[in-house]
C-alpha atoms as a PDB file:
ATOM      1  CA  UNK A   1      51.186  78.559 105.094  1.00  0.00           C
ATOM      2  CA  UNK A   2      50.305  79.293 101.244  1.00  0.00           C
ATOM      3  CA  UNK A   3      50.927  82.732  99.963  1.00  0.00           C
ATOM      4  CA  UNK A   4      48.384  84.243  97.609  1.00  0.00           C
ATOM      5  CA  UNK A   5      49.916  86.516  94.908  1.00  0.00           C
ATOM      6  CA  UNK A   6      47.630  89.591  94.278  1.00  0.00           C
ATOM      7  CA  UNK A   7      48.214  92.035  91.500  1.00  0.00           C
ATOM      8  CA  UNK A   8      47.121  95.422  92.903  1.00  0.00           C
ATOM      9  CA  UNK A   9      48.567  97.124  89.874  1.00  0.00           C
ATOM     10  CA  UNK A  10      45.995  99.927  88.548  1.00  0.00           C
ATOM     11  CA  UNK A  11      47.768  99.667  85.100  1.00  0.00           C
ATOM     12  CA  UNK A  12      46.905  96.177  84.395  1.00  0.00           C
ATOM     13  CA  UNK A  13      46.449  95.512  80.583  1.00  0.00           C
ATOM     14  CA  UNK A  14      46.038  91.810  80.628  1.00  0.00           C
ATOM     15  CA  UNK A  15      42.573  90.258  81.393  1.00  0.00           C
ATOM     16  CA  UNK A  16      44.715  87.069  81.377  1.00  0.00           C
ATOM     17  CA  UNK A  17      45.457  85.308  85.018  1.00  0.00           C
ATOM     18  CA  UNK A  18      48.867  85.682  86.273  1.00  0.00           C
ATOM     19  CA  UNK A  19      51.077  82.458  85.509  1.00  0.00           C
ATOM     20  CA  UNK A  20      52.569  82.376  88.980  1.00  0.00           C
ATOM     21  CA  UNK A  21      53.339  78.720  89.950  1.00  0.00           C
ATOM     22  CA  UNK A  22      50.984  77.507  92.569  1.00  0.00           C
ATOM     23  CA  UNK A  23      52.358  74.722  95.073  1.00  0.00           C
ATOM     24  CA  UNK A  24      50.481  71.229  94.082  1.00  0.00           C
ATOM     25  CA  UNK A  25      48.775  69.625  97.230  1.00  0.00           C
ATOM     26  CA  UNK A  26      49.224  66.240  95.784  1.00  0.00           C
ATOM     27  CA  UNK A  27      53.148  66.716  94.703  1.00  0.00           C
ATOM     28  CA  UNK A  28      55.044  63.607  95.804  1.00  0.00           C
ATOM     29  CA  UNK A  29      57.685  64.184  98.305  1.00  0.00           C
ATOM     30  CA  UNK A  30      61.202  64.171  97.241  1.00  0.00           C
ATOM     31  CA  UNK A  31      63.959  61.675  98.824  1.00  0.00           C
ATOM     32  CA  UNK A  32      67.547  62.033  99.360  1.00  0.00           C
ATOM     33  CA  UNK A  33      69.488  58.942  98.702  1.00  0.00           C
ATOM     34  CA  UNK A  34      72.820  57.310  99.195  1.00  0.00           C
ATOM     35  CA  UNK A  35      73.849  54.408  97.107  1.00  0.00           C
ATOM     36  CA  UNK A  36      76.633  52.104  97.914  1.00  0.00           C
ATOM     37  CA  UNK A  37      78.893  50.943  94.827  1.00  0.00           C
ATOM     38  CA  UNK A  38      80.532  47.700  94.539  1.00  0.00           C
ATOM     39  CA  UNK A  39      84.198  49.578  94.722  1.00  0.00           C
ATOM     40  CA  UNK A  40      83.070  51.131  98.159  1.00  0.00           C
ATOM     41  CA  UNK A  41      82.130  54.353  96.980  1.00  0.00           C
ATOM     42  CA  UNK A  42      78.844  56.432  97.907  1.00  0.00           C
ATOM     43  CA  UNK A  43      76.879  57.959  95.391  1.00  0.00           C
ATOM     44  CA  UNK A  44      74.368  60.709  96.724  1.00  0.00           C
ATOM     45  CA  UNK A  45      71.107  61.951  94.656  1.00  0.00           C
ATOM     46  CA  UNK A  46      67.577  62.821  94.903  1.00  0.00           C
ATOM     47  CA  UNK A  47      64.277  61.634  93.450  1.00  0.00           C
ATOM     48  CA  UNK A  48      60.300  61.519  94.002  1.00  0.00           C
ATOM     49  CA  UNK A  49      60.515  57.703  92.928  1.00  0.00           C
ATOM     50  CA  UNK A  50      63.699  56.016  94.676  1.00  0.00           C
ATOM     51  CA  UNK A  51      62.942  52.486  93.516  1.00  0.00           C
ATOM     52  CA  UNK A  52      62.670  53.704  89.755  1.00  0.00           C
ATOM     53  CA  UNK A  53      65.918  55.577  89.949  1.00  0.00           C
ATOM     54  CA  UNK A  54      67.668  52.981  91.304  1.00  0.00           C
ATOM     55  CA  UNK A  55      66.598  50.742  88.486  1.00  0.00           C
ATOM     56  CA  UNK A  56      67.802  53.308  86.276  1.00  0.00           C
ATOM     57  CA  UNK A  57      71.235  53.410  88.071  1.00  0.00           C
ATOM     58  CA  UNK A  58      71.601  49.831  87.673  1.00  0.00           C
ATOM     59  CA  UNK A  59      70.827  50.073  84.215  1.00  0.00           C
ATOM     60  CA  UNK A  60      73.473  52.765  83.663  1.00  0.00           C
ATOM     61  CA  UNK A  61      70.822  55.301  82.692  1.00  0.00           C
ATOM     62  CA  UNK A  62      70.787  58.894  84.026  1.00  0.00           C
ATOM     63  CA  UNK A  63      73.590  59.700  86.348  1.00  0.00           C
ATOM     64  CA  UNK A  64      77.146  59.137  84.221  1.00  0.00           C
ATOM     65  CA  UNK A  65      78.575  58.375  87.489  1.00  0.00           C
ATOM     66  CA  UNK A  66      77.121  54.928  87.088  1.00  0.00           C
ATOM     67  CA  UNK A  67      78.953  54.310  84.011  1.00  0.00           C
ATOM     68  CA  UNK A  68      81.997  53.475  85.522  1.00  0.00           C
ATOM     69  CA  UNK A  69      80.588  52.335  89.016  1.00  0.00           C
ATOM     70  CA  UNK A  70      78.337  49.523  89.599  1.00  0.00           C
ATOM     71  CA  UNK A  71      75.591  50.247  92.287  1.00  0.00           C
ATOM     72  CA  UNK A  72      75.098  47.475  94.621  1.00  0.00           C
ATOM     73  CA  UNK A  73      72.504  48.751  97.409  1.00  0.00           C
ATOM     74  CA  UNK A  74      70.507  51.503  98.898  1.00  0.00           C
ATOM     75  CA  UNK A  75      72.286  52.587 102.112  1.00  0.00           C
ATOM     76  CA  UNK A  76      70.645  55.827 103.232  1.00  0.00           C
ATOM     77  CA  UNK A  77      67.521  57.507 102.910  1.00  0.00           C
ATOM     78  CA  UNK A  78      65.721  60.832 103.873  1.00  0.00           C
ATOM     79  CA  UNK A  79      62.271  61.402 102.969  1.00  0.00           C
ATOM     80  CA  UNK A  80      59.609  64.405 103.307  1.00  0.00           C
ATOM     81  CA  UNK A  81      61.788  66.786 101.273  1.00  0.00           C
ATOM     82  CA  UNK A  82      60.506  69.422  98.538  1.00  0.00           C
ATOM     83  CA  UNK A  83      62.526  69.408  95.215  1.00  0.00           C
ATOM     84  CA  UNK A  84      64.383  72.456  96.563  1.00  0.00           C
ATOM     85  CA  UNK A  85      65.389  71.191  99.971  1.00  0.00           C
ATOM     86  CA  UNK A  86      66.056  67.857  98.649  1.00  0.00           C
ATOM     87  CA  UNK A  87      68.691  69.467  96.483  1.00  0.00           C
ATOM     88  CA  UNK A  88      70.214  71.670  99.074  1.00  0.00           C
ATOM     89  CA  UNK A  89      70.535  68.606 101.143  1.00  0.00           C
ATOM     90  CA  UNK A  90      72.256  66.566  98.522  1.00  0.00           C
ATOM     91  CA  UNK A  91      74.548  69.296  98.115  1.00  0.00           C
ATOM     92  CA  UNK A  92      75.347  69.563 101.924  1.00  0.00           C
ATOM     93  CA  UNK A  93      76.058  65.554 101.820  1.00  0.00           C
ATOM     94  CA  UNK A  94      78.419  65.804  98.977  1.00  0.00           C
ATOM     95  CA  UNK A  95      80.552  68.107 100.783  1.00  0.00           C
ATOM     96  CA  UNK A  96      81.024  65.494 103.480  1.00  0.00           C
ATOM     97  CA  UNK A  97      84.056  63.098 103.552  1.00  0.00           C
ATOM     98  CA  UNK A  98      83.604  59.599 102.896  1.00  0.00           C
ATOM     99  CA  UNK A  99      83.859  58.901 106.730  1.00  0.00           C
ATOM    100  CA  UNK A 100      81.362  61.613 107.759  1.00  0.00           C
ATOM    101  CA  UNK A 101      78.922  59.832 104.987  1.00  0.00           C
ATOM    102  CA  UNK A 102      79.447  56.755 106.630  1.00  0.00           C
ATOM    103  CA  UNK A 103      78.758  57.856 109.883  1.00  0.00           C
ATOM    104  CA  UNK A 104      75.726  59.545 108.177  1.00  0.00           C
ATOM    105  CA  UNK A 105      74.372  56.040 107.275  1.00  0.00           C
ATOM    106  CA  UNK A 106      74.214  54.827 111.085  1.00  0.00           C
ATOM    107  CA  UNK A 107      72.462  57.992 112.195  1.00  0.00           C
ATOM    108  CA  UNK A 108      68.881  58.644 113.379  1.00  0.00           C
ATOM    109  CA  UNK A 109      68.317  60.376 110.025  1.00  0.00           C
ATOM    110  CA  UNK A 110      68.563  57.546 107.779  1.00  0.00           C
ATOM    111  CA  UNK A 111      64.972  56.227 107.391  1.00  0.00           C
ATOM    112  CA  UNK A 112      66.233  52.955 106.432  1.00  0.00           C
ATOM    113  CA  UNK A 113      67.646  52.267 109.889  1.00  0.00           C
ATOM    114  CA  UNK A 114      63.879  52.887 111.142  1.00  0.00           C
ATOM    115  CA  UNK A 115      62.458  50.543 108.557  1.00  0.00           C
ATOM    116  CA  UNK A 116      64.812  47.645 110.024  1.00  0.00           C
ATOM    117  CA  UNK A 117      63.835  48.137 113.555  1.00  0.00           C
END
């Protein structure tokens, strides 16, 4: 449901339209992903283009984490997030222990598991 902001103030001195942000109908969905590194560590991130972002990580661009950890493969993917919900989910996952993250990799929420089946 989209909210419409209407200025009902009687003292509107400006004839300019409001600069309120309108949600873009064609905006790309955001993804939460986990990458397995060669040292066994798991990196959690968000992107609206996971393939492009993974390539950036391989090239050691972007996240500083990959300056000392080599990305091996994408092991977890959640889709259909907004930028905000992806950031919130990323934070939740980053609070998990390594063992809990490994359990998450095998869960039904991992979109990569659905692609393999």
